[in-house]
């Protein structure tokens, strides 16, 4: 069962079970990330959280790019492990 939200553009869109799960309102999805071994699945959720918090800062602009590069490196490492 999926829900609906109004997006920034004023249009309704459906939210997936995964979105509700991340927000704390549902069970983990039956497909996708749950098929990965626990350590990789946990790592992907942690990376998703890091991406969500990733914003440029006028006080330390380099920090954004360093974090972005670290996230890219971690995603590529996980991709190699999953193959």
C-alpha atoms as a PDB file:
ATOM      1  CA  UNK A   1       0.000   0.000   0.000  1.00  0.00           C
ATOM      2  CA  UNK A   2       1.548   3.320  -1.031  1.00  0.00           C
ATOM      3  CA  UNK A   3       0.692   6.812   0.141  1.00  0.00           C
ATOM      4  CA  UNK A   4       0.472  10.149  -1.637  1.00  0.00           C
ATOM      5  CA  UNK A   5       2.149  13.476  -0.948  1.00  0.00           C
ATOM      6  CA  UNK A   6       2.029  16.846  -2.656  1.00  0.00           C
ATOM      7  CA  UNK A   7       5.377  17.699  -4.213  1.00  0.00           C
ATOM      8  CA  UNK A   8       7.096  21.063  -4.452  1.00  0.00           C
ATOM      9  CA  UNK A   9       5.499  21.617  -7.843  1.00  0.00           C
ATOM     10  CA  UNK A  10       2.029  21.213  -6.312  1.00  0.00           C
ATOM     11  CA  UNK A  11       1.406  17.843  -7.974  1.00  0.00           C
ATOM     12  CA  UNK A  12       0.532  14.726  -6.030  1.00  0.00           C
ATOM     13  CA  UNK A  13       2.988  11.872  -6.159  1.00  0.00           C
ATOM     14  CA  UNK A  14       3.020   8.386  -4.736  1.00  0.00           C
ATOM     15  CA  UNK A  15       5.488   7.478  -2.021  1.00  0.00           C
ATOM     16  CA  UNK A  16       6.847   3.984  -2.021  1.00  0.00           C
ATOM     17  CA  UNK A  17       6.944   1.563   0.881  1.00  0.00           C
ATOM     18  CA  UNK A  18      10.675   2.254   1.084  1.00  0.00           C
ATOM     19  CA  UNK A  19      10.081   5.985   1.605  1.00  0.00           C
ATOM     20  CA  UNK A  20       7.629   5.316   4.423  1.00  0.00           C
ATOM     21  CA  UNK A  21      10.067   2.817   5.941  1.00  0.00           C
ATOM     22  CA  UNK A  22      12.851   5.405   6.020  1.00  0.00           C
ATOM     23  CA  UNK A  23      10.515   7.872   7.682  1.00  0.00           C
ATOM     24  CA  UNK A  24       9.764   5.283  10.356  1.00  0.00           C
ATOM     25  CA  UNK A  25       6.214   4.588   9.209  1.00  0.00           C
ATOM     26  CA  UNK A  26       6.470   1.099   7.753  1.00  0.00           C
ATOM     27  CA  UNK A  27       8.259  -2.188   7.455  1.00  0.00           C
ATOM     28  CA  UNK A  28      11.363  -2.678   5.305  1.00  0.00           C
ATOM     29  CA  UNK A  29      10.581  -3.182   1.605  1.00  0.00           C
ATOM     30  CA  UNK A  30      10.224  -6.722   0.317  1.00  0.00           C
ATOM     31  CA  UNK A  31      12.669  -6.152  -2.569  1.00  0.00           C
ATOM     32  CA  UNK A  32      15.685  -4.055  -3.409  1.00  0.00           C
ATOM     33  CA  UNK A  33      18.023  -3.250  -0.558  1.00  0.00           C
ATOM     34  CA  UNK A  34      16.756  -6.055   1.683  1.00  0.00           C
ATOM     35  CA  UNK A  35      18.161  -8.581  -0.821  1.00  0.00           C
ATOM     36  CA  UNK A  36      21.693  -7.356  -0.143  1.00  0.00           C
ATOM     37  CA  UNK A  37      23.731  -8.832   2.676  1.00  0.00           C
ATOM     38  CA  UNK A  38      23.056  -6.984   5.910  1.00  0.00           C
ATOM     39  CA  UNK A  39      26.372  -5.130   6.010  1.00  0.00           C
ATOM     40  CA  UNK A  40      25.975  -3.753   2.460  1.00  0.00           C
ATOM     41  CA  UNK A  41      22.316  -2.892   3.056  1.00  0.00           C
ATOM     42  CA  UNK A  42      23.201  -1.053   6.253  1.00  0.00           C
ATOM     43  CA  UNK A  43      26.060   0.744   4.502  1.00  0.00           C
ATOM     44  CA  UNK A  44      23.727   1.917   1.719  1.00  0.00           C
ATOM     45  CA  UNK A  45      21.215   3.286   4.217  1.00  0.00           C
ATOM     46  CA  UNK A  46      24.026   5.131   6.003  1.00  0.00           C
ATOM     47  CA  UNK A  47      25.256   6.557   2.692  1.00  0.00           C
ATOM     48  CA  UNK A  48      21.717   7.670   1.835  1.00  0.00           C
ATOM     49  CA  UNK A  49      21.598   9.522   5.157  1.00  0.00           C
ATOM     50  CA  UNK A  50      24.935  11.192   4.391  1.00  0.00           C
ATOM     51  CA  UNK A  51      23.660  12.274   0.956  1.00  0.00           C
ATOM     52  CA  UNK A  52      20.502  13.690   2.540  1.00  0.00           C
ATOM     53  CA  UNK A  53      22.604  15.834   4.900  1.00  0.00           C
ATOM     54  CA  UNK A  54      25.076  16.893   2.191  1.00  0.00           C
ATOM     55  CA  UNK A  55      24.825  20.653   1.590  1.00  0.00           C
ATOM     56  CA  UNK A  56      27.379  23.245   0.510  1.00  0.00           C
ATOM     57  CA  UNK A  57      28.585  25.576   3.249  1.00  0.00           C
ATOM     58  CA  UNK A  58      29.770  29.138   2.780  1.00  0.00           C
ATOM     59  CA  UNK A  59      31.986  28.691   5.862  1.00  0.00           C
ATOM     60  CA  UNK A  60      33.801  25.606   4.516  1.00  0.00           C
ATOM     61  CA  UNK A  61      33.059  25.084   0.799  1.00  0.00           C
ATOM     62  CA  UNK A  62      35.744  22.413   0.447  1.00  0.00           C
ATOM     63  CA  UNK A  63      34.023  20.194   3.035  1.00  0.00           C
ATOM     64  CA  UNK A  64      31.103  19.608   0.641  1.00  0.00           C
ATOM     65  CA  UNK A  65      33.392  18.384  -2.142  1.00  0.00           C
ATOM     66  CA  UNK A  66      35.461  16.206   0.193  1.00  0.00           C
ATOM     67  CA  UNK A  67      32.329  14.529   1.572  1.00  0.00           C
ATOM     68  CA  UNK A  68      30.921  14.104  -1.951  1.00  0.00           C
ATOM     69  CA  UNK A  69      34.154  12.384  -3.046  1.00  0.00           C
ATOM     70  CA  UNK A  70      34.128  10.115   0.016  1.00  0.00           C
ATOM     71  CA  UNK A  71      30.524   9.110  -0.669  1.00  0.00           C
ATOM     72  CA  UNK A  72      31.366   8.334  -4.314  1.00  0.00           C
ATOM     73  CA  UNK A  73      34.344   6.235  -3.224  1.00  0.00           C
ATOM     74  CA  UNK A  74      32.236   4.287  -0.723  1.00  0.00           C
ATOM     75  CA  UNK A  75      29.485   3.632  -3.309  1.00  0.00           C
ATOM     76  CA  UNK A  76      32.031   2.330  -5.818  1.00  0.00           C
ATOM     77  CA  UNK A  77      33.577   0.069  -3.141  1.00  0.00           C
ATOM     78  CA  UNK A  78      30.140  -1.348  -2.278  1.00  0.00           C
ATOM     79  CA  UNK A  79      29.381  -1.899  -5.970  1.00  0.00           C
ATOM     80  CA  UNK A  80      32.595  -3.932  -6.342  1.00  0.00           C
ATOM     81  CA  UNK A  81      31.682  -6.053  -3.299  1.00  0.00           C
ATOM     82  CA  UNK A  82      28.158  -6.773  -4.548  1.00  0.00           C
ATOM     83  CA  UNK A  83      29.303  -7.883  -8.046  1.00  0.00           C
END
